[in-house]
PDB file of N, CA and C in Angstrom:
ATOM      1  N   MET A   1      14.670  13.497  26.977  1.00  0.00           N
ATOM      2  CA  MET A   1      15.352  13.601  25.685  1.00  0.00           C
ATOM      3  C   MET A   1      15.196  14.993  25.089  1.00  0.00           C
ATOM      4  N   ASN A   2      15.149  16.018  25.891  1.00  0.00           N
ATOM      5  CA  ASN A   2      15.146  17.405  25.425  1.00  0.00           C
ATOM      6  C   ASN A   2      13.980  17.738  24.512  1.00  0.00           C
ATOM      7  N   GLY A   3      12.788  17.264  24.809  1.00  0.00           N
ATOM      8  CA  GLY A   3      11.631  17.603  24.003  1.00  0.00           C
ATOM      9  C   GLY A   3      11.555  16.879  22.680  1.00  0.00           C
ATOM     10  N   ARG A   4      12.344  15.870  22.499  1.00  0.00           N
ATOM     11  CA  ARG A   4      12.298  15.099  21.252  1.00  0.00           C
ATOM     12  C   ARG A   4      11.112  14.147  21.270  1.00  0.00           C
ATOM     13  N   LYS A   5      10.628  13.828  20.078  1.00  0.00           N
ATOM     14  CA  LYS A   5       9.525  12.890  19.939  1.00  0.00           C
ATOM     15  C   LYS A   5      10.044  11.621  19.272  1.00  0.00           C
ATOM     16  N   VAL A   6       9.756  10.482  19.856  1.00  0.00           N
ATOM     17  CA  VAL A   6      10.147   9.193  19.277  1.00  0.00           C
ATOM     18  C   VAL A   6       9.101   8.799  18.246  1.00  0.00           C
ATOM     19  N   LEU A   7       9.536   8.629  17.007  1.00  0.00           N
ATOM     20  CA  LEU A   7       8.621   8.212  15.943  1.00  0.00           C
ATOM     21  C   LEU A   7       8.483   6.697  15.870  1.00  0.00           C
ATOM     22  N   GLU A   8       9.583   5.997  16.105  1.00  0.00           N
ATOM     23  CA  GLU A   8       9.570   4.535  15.956  1.00  0.00           C
ATOM     24  C   GLU A   8      10.734   3.941  16.729  1.00  0.00           C
ATOM     25  N   ARG A   9      10.570   2.694  17.167  1.00  0.00           N
ATOM     26  CA  ARG A   9      11.624   1.935  17.861  1.00  0.00           C
ATOM     27  C   ARG A   9      11.955   0.699  17.043  1.00  0.00           C
ATOM     28  N   PHE A  10      13.241   0.354  17.001  1.00  0.00           N
ATOM     29  CA  PHE A  10      13.694  -0.832  16.286  1.00  0.00           C
ATOM     30  C   PHE A  10      14.656  -1.604  17.169  1.00  0.00           C
ATOM     31  N   PRO A  11      14.491  -2.921  17.304  1.00  0.00           N
ATOM     32  CA  PRO A  11      15.412  -3.706  18.132  1.00  0.00           C
ATOM     33  C   PRO A  11      16.819  -3.646  17.550  1.00  0.00           C
ATOM     34  N   ALA A  12      17.809  -3.622  18.440  1.00  0.00           N
ATOM     35  CA  ALA A  12      19.199  -3.526  18.002  1.00  0.00           C
ATOM     36  C   ALA A  12      19.697  -4.825  17.369  1.00  0.00           C
ATOM     37  N   GLY A  13      19.041  -5.927  17.608  1.00  0.00           N
ATOM     38  CA  GLY A  13      19.512  -7.215  17.112  1.00  0.00           C
ATOM     39  C   GLY A  13      18.938  -7.596  15.763  1.00  0.00           C
ATOM     40  N   GLY A  14      18.885  -6.677  14.832  1.00  0.00           N
ATOM     41  CA  GLY A  14      18.346  -6.973  13.506  1.00  0.00           C
ATOM     42  C   GLY A  14      19.272  -7.855  12.698  1.00  0.00           C
ATOM     43  N   PRO A  15      18.801  -8.354  11.566  1.00  0.00           N
ATOM     44  CA  PRO A  15      19.644  -9.199  10.707  1.00  0.00           C
ATOM     45  C   PRO A  15      20.879  -8.459  10.228  1.00  0.00           C
ATOM     46  N   ARG A  16      21.959  -9.181  10.055  1.00  0.00           N
ATOM     47  CA  ARG A  16      23.221  -8.584   9.590  1.00  0.00           C
ATOM     48  C   ARG A  16      23.018  -7.906   8.240  1.00  0.00           C
ATOM     49  N   GLY A  17      23.495  -6.665   8.139  1.00  0.00           N
ATOM     50  CA  GLY A  17      23.367  -5.915   6.897  1.00  0.00           C
ATOM     51  C   GLY A  17      22.046  -5.187   6.759  1.00  0.00           C
ATOM     52  N   SER A  18      21.164  -5.311   7.742  1.00  0.00           N
ATOM     53  CA  SER A  18      19.865  -4.652   7.705  1.00  0.00           C
ATOM     54  C   SER A  18      19.907  -3.422   8.616  1.00  0.00           C
ATOM     55  N   TRP A  19      19.425  -2.292   8.120  1.00  0.00           N
ATOM     56  CA  TRP A  19      19.427  -1.044   8.878  1.00  0.00           C
ATOM     57  C   TRP A  19      18.028  -0.431   8.864  1.00  0.00           C
ATOM     58  N   PRO A  20      17.024  -1.091   9.449  1.00  0.00           N
ATOM     59  CA  PRO A  20      15.650  -0.591   9.359  1.00  0.00           C
ATOM     60  C   PRO A  20      15.459   0.786   9.986  1.00  0.00           C
ATOM     61  N   ALA A  21      16.155   1.093  11.077  1.00  0.00           N
ATOM     62  CA  ALA A  21      16.006   2.408  11.704  1.00  0.00           C
ATOM     63  C   ALA A  21      16.540   3.504  10.781  1.00  0.00           C
ATOM     64  N   GLU A  22      17.687   3.263  10.174  1.00  0.00           N
ATOM     65  CA  GLU A  22      18.266   4.250   9.254  1.00  0.00           C
ATOM     66  C   GLU A  22      17.383   4.435   8.021  1.00  0.00           C
ATOM     67  N   GLU A  23      16.824   3.349   7.520  1.00  0.00           N
ATOM     68  CA  GLU A  23      15.943   3.440   6.354  1.00  0.00           C
ATOM     69  C   GLU A  23      14.670   4.216   6.690  1.00  0.00           C
ATOM     70  N   PHE A  24      14.105   3.978   7.875  1.00  0.00           N
ATOM     71  CA  PHE A  24      12.916   4.700   8.309  1.00  0.00           C
ATOM     72  C   PHE A  24      13.223   6.186   8.466  1.00  0.00           C
ATOM     73  N   ALA A  25      14.356   6.498   9.095  1.00  0.00           N
ATOM     74  CA  ALA A  25      14.745   7.900   9.290  1.00  0.00           C
ATOM     75  C   ALA A  25      14.980   8.594   7.944  1.00  0.00           C
ATOM     76  N   GLN A  26      15.609   7.917   7.018  1.00  0.00           N
ATOM     77  CA  GLN A  26      15.846   8.508   5.696  1.00  0.00           C
ATOM     78  C   GLN A  26      14.528   8.825   4.998  1.00  0.00           C
ATOM     79  N   ALA A  27      13.566   7.939   5.100  1.00  0.00           N
ATOM     80  CA  ALA A  27      12.254   8.181   4.496  1.00  0.00           C
ATOM     81  C   ALA A  27      11.587   9.400   5.131  1.00  0.00           C
ATOM     82  N   ARG A  28      11.732   9.575   6.456  1.00  0.00           N
ATOM     83  CA  ARG A  28      11.164  10.749   7.124  1.00  0.00           C
ATOM     84  C   ARG A  28      11.884  12.028   6.688  1.00  0.00           C
ATOM     85  N   ARG A  29      13.215  11.946   6.499  1.00  0.00           N
ATOM     86  CA  ARG A  29      13.961  13.120   6.025  1.00  0.00           C
ATOM     87  C   ARG A  29      13.534  13.513   4.625  1.00  0.00           C
ATOM     88  N   GLN A  30      13.228  12.538   3.788  1.00  0.00           N
ATOM     89  CA  GLN A  30      12.747  12.833   2.441  1.00  0.00           C
ATOM     90  C   GLN A  30      11.381  13.507   2.470  1.00  0.00           C
ATOM     91  N   GLU A  31      10.631  13.309   3.555  1.00  0.00           N
ATOM     92  CA  GLU A  31       9.340  13.962   3.750  1.00  0.00           C
ATOM     93  C   GLU A  31       9.495  15.348   4.380  1.00  0.00           C
ATOM     94  N   GLY A  32      10.723  15.728   4.735  1.00  0.00           N
ATOM     95  CA  GLY A  32      10.968  17.048   5.291  1.00  0.00           C
ATOM     96  C   GLY A  32      11.133  17.103   6.793  1.00  0.00           C
ATOM     97  N   GLN A  33      11.105  15.962   7.469  1.00  0.00           N
ATOM     98  CA  GLN A  33      11.304  15.945   8.921  1.00  0.00           C
ATOM     99  C   GLN A  33      12.794  15.781   9.215  1.00  0.00           C
ATOM    100  N   ALA A  34      13.252  16.405  10.273  1.00  0.00           N
ATOM    101  CA  ALA A  34      14.657  16.288  10.672  1.00  0.00           C
ATOM    102  C   ALA A  34      14.830  15.069  11.579  1.00  0.00           C
ATOM    103  N   ALA A  35      14.658  13.894  11.024  1.00  0.00           N
ATOM    104  CA  ALA A  35      14.721  12.653  11.798  1.00  0.00           C
ATOM    105  C   ALA A  35      16.164  12.191  11.952  1.00  0.00           C
ATOM    106  N   GLU A  36      16.455  11.631  13.124  1.00  0.00           N
ATOM    107  CA  GLU A  36      17.770  11.050  13.355  1.00  0.00           C
ATOM    108  C   GLU A  36      17.614   9.772  14.165  1.00  0.00           C
ATOM    109  N   VAL A  37      18.626   8.928  14.103  1.00  0.00           N
ATOM    110  CA  VAL A  37      18.618   7.662  14.827  1.00  0.00           C
ATOM    111  C   VAL A  37      19.527   7.793  16.042  1.00  0.00           C
ATOM    112  N   VAL A  38      19.008   7.394  17.203  1.00  0.00           N
ATOM    113  CA  VAL A  38      19.797   7.362  18.428  1.00  0.00           C
ATOM    114  C   VAL A  38      19.661   5.980  19.056  1.00  0.00           C
ATOM    115  N   MET A  39      20.648   5.619  19.854  1.00  0.00           N
ATOM    116  CA  MET A  39      20.632   4.319  20.529  1.00  0.00           C
ATOM    117  C   MET A  39      20.145   4.499  21.950  1.00  0.00           C
ATOM    118  N   ASP A  40      19.157   3.699  22.350  1.00  0.00           N
ATOM    119  CA  ASP A  40      18.687   3.664  23.733  1.00  0.00           C
ATOM    120  C   ASP A  40      19.310   2.432  24.377  1.00  0.00           C
ATOM    121  N   LEU A  41      20.375   2.645  25.136  1.00  0.00           N
ATOM    122  CA  LEU A  41      21.099   1.525  25.733  1.00  0.00           C
ATOM    123  C   LEU A  41      20.253   0.759  26.740  1.00  0.00           C
ATOM    124  N   ALA A  42      19.387   1.463  27.464  1.00  0.00           N
ATOM    125  CA  ALA A  42      18.566   0.809  28.489  1.00  0.00           C
ATOM    126  C   ALA A  42      17.647  -0.246  27.894  1.00  0.00           C
ATOM    127  N   SER A  43      17.102   0.023  26.709  1.00  0.00           N
ATOM    128  CA  SER A  43      16.183  -0.934  26.097  1.00  0.00           C
ATOM    129  C   SER A  43      16.814  -1.702  24.941  1.00  0.00           C
ATOM    130  N   ASP A  44      18.093  -1.442  24.658  1.00  0.00           N
ATOM    131  CA  ASP A  44      18.819  -2.091  23.565  1.00  0.00           C
ATOM    132  C   ASP A  44      18.050  -1.945  22.250  1.00  0.00           C
ATOM    133  N   ALA A  45      17.692  -0.687  21.944  1.00  0.00           N
ATOM    134  CA  ALA A  45      16.911  -0.411  20.732  1.00  0.00           C
ATOM    135  C   ALA A  45      17.406   0.875  20.083  1.00  0.00           C
ATOM    136  N   PHE A  46      17.192   0.956  18.773  1.00  0.00           N
ATOM    137  CA  PHE A  46      17.444   2.190  18.048  1.00  0.00           C
ATOM    138  C   PHE A  46      16.136   2.962  17.984  1.00  0.00           C
ATOM    139  N   LEU A  47      16.197   4.261  18.256  1.00  0.00           N
ATOM    140  CA  LEU A  47      15.029   5.115  18.214  1.00  0.00           C
ATOM    141  C   LEU A  47      15.177   6.114  17.074  1.00  0.00           C
ATOM    142  N   VAL A  48      14.111   6.330  16.338  1.00  0.00           N
ATOM    143  CA  VAL A  48      14.074   7.392  15.331  1.00  0.00           C
ATOM    144  C   VAL A  48      13.346   8.555  15.991  1.00  0.00           C
ATOM    145  N   VAL A  49      14.046   9.696  16.136  1.00  0.00           N
ATOM    146  CA  VAL A  49      13.504  10.837  16.859  1.00  0.00           C
ATOM    147  C   VAL A  49      13.498  12.091  15.988  1.00  0.00           C
ATOM    148  N   VAL A  50      12.613  13.015  16.335  1.00  0.00           N
ATOM    149  CA  VAL A  50      12.563  14.341  15.699  1.00  0.00           C
ATOM    150  C   VAL A  50      12.389  15.382  16.794  1.00  0.00           C
ATOM    151  N   GLY A  51      12.722  16.625  16.453  1.00  0.00           N
ATOM    152  CA  GLY A  51      12.488  17.741  17.360  1.00  0.00           C
ATOM    153  C   GLY A  51      13.560  17.913  18.396  1.00  0.00           C
ATOM    154  N   GLY A  52      13.231  18.694  19.429  1.00  0.00           N
ATOM    155  CA  GLY A  52      14.172  18.971  20.492  1.00  0.00           C
ATOM    156  C   GLY A  52      14.875  20.294  20.294  1.00  0.00           C
ATOM    157  N   ALA A  53      15.577  20.740  21.318  1.00  0.00           N
ATOM    158  CA  ALA A  53      16.257  22.029  21.291  1.00  0.00           C
ATOM    159  C   ALA A  53      17.321  22.086  20.213  1.00  0.00           C
ATOM    160  N   ASP A  54      18.055  20.980  20.004  1.00  0.00           N
ATOM    161  CA  ASP A  54      19.106  21.006  19.005  1.00  0.00           C
ATOM    162  C   ASP A  54      18.574  20.742  17.606  1.00  0.00           C
ATOM    163  N   GLY A  55      17.270  20.456  17.464  1.00  0.00           N
ATOM    164  CA  GLY A  55      16.697  20.252  16.154  1.00  0.00           C
ATOM    165  C   GLY A  55      15.906  21.455  15.660  1.00  0.00           C
ATOM    166  N   VAL A  56      15.801  22.503  16.488  1.00  0.00           N
ATOM    167  CA  VAL A  56      15.021  23.680  16.122  1.00  0.00           C
ATOM    168  C   VAL A  56      15.957  24.766  15.619  1.00  0.00           C
ATOM    169  N   GLU A  57      15.590  25.372  14.503  1.00  0.00           N
ATOM    170  CA  GLU A  57      16.422  26.449  13.955  1.00  0.00           C
ATOM    171  C   GLU A  57      15.909  27.797  14.355  1.00  0.00           C
TER     172      GLU A  57
END
């Protein structure tokens, strides 16, 4: 994943209307981290990641 670090994993089958991965990532962004949510199709999970070549300025 290009040097990215996974902060947290969330199952893709969450309750309807619930976005725990997005909420976690938003909280990390408010702390100053460049967190984003990506989908890991192999494990059917949303990952909150930071860093990597495209995250470095």
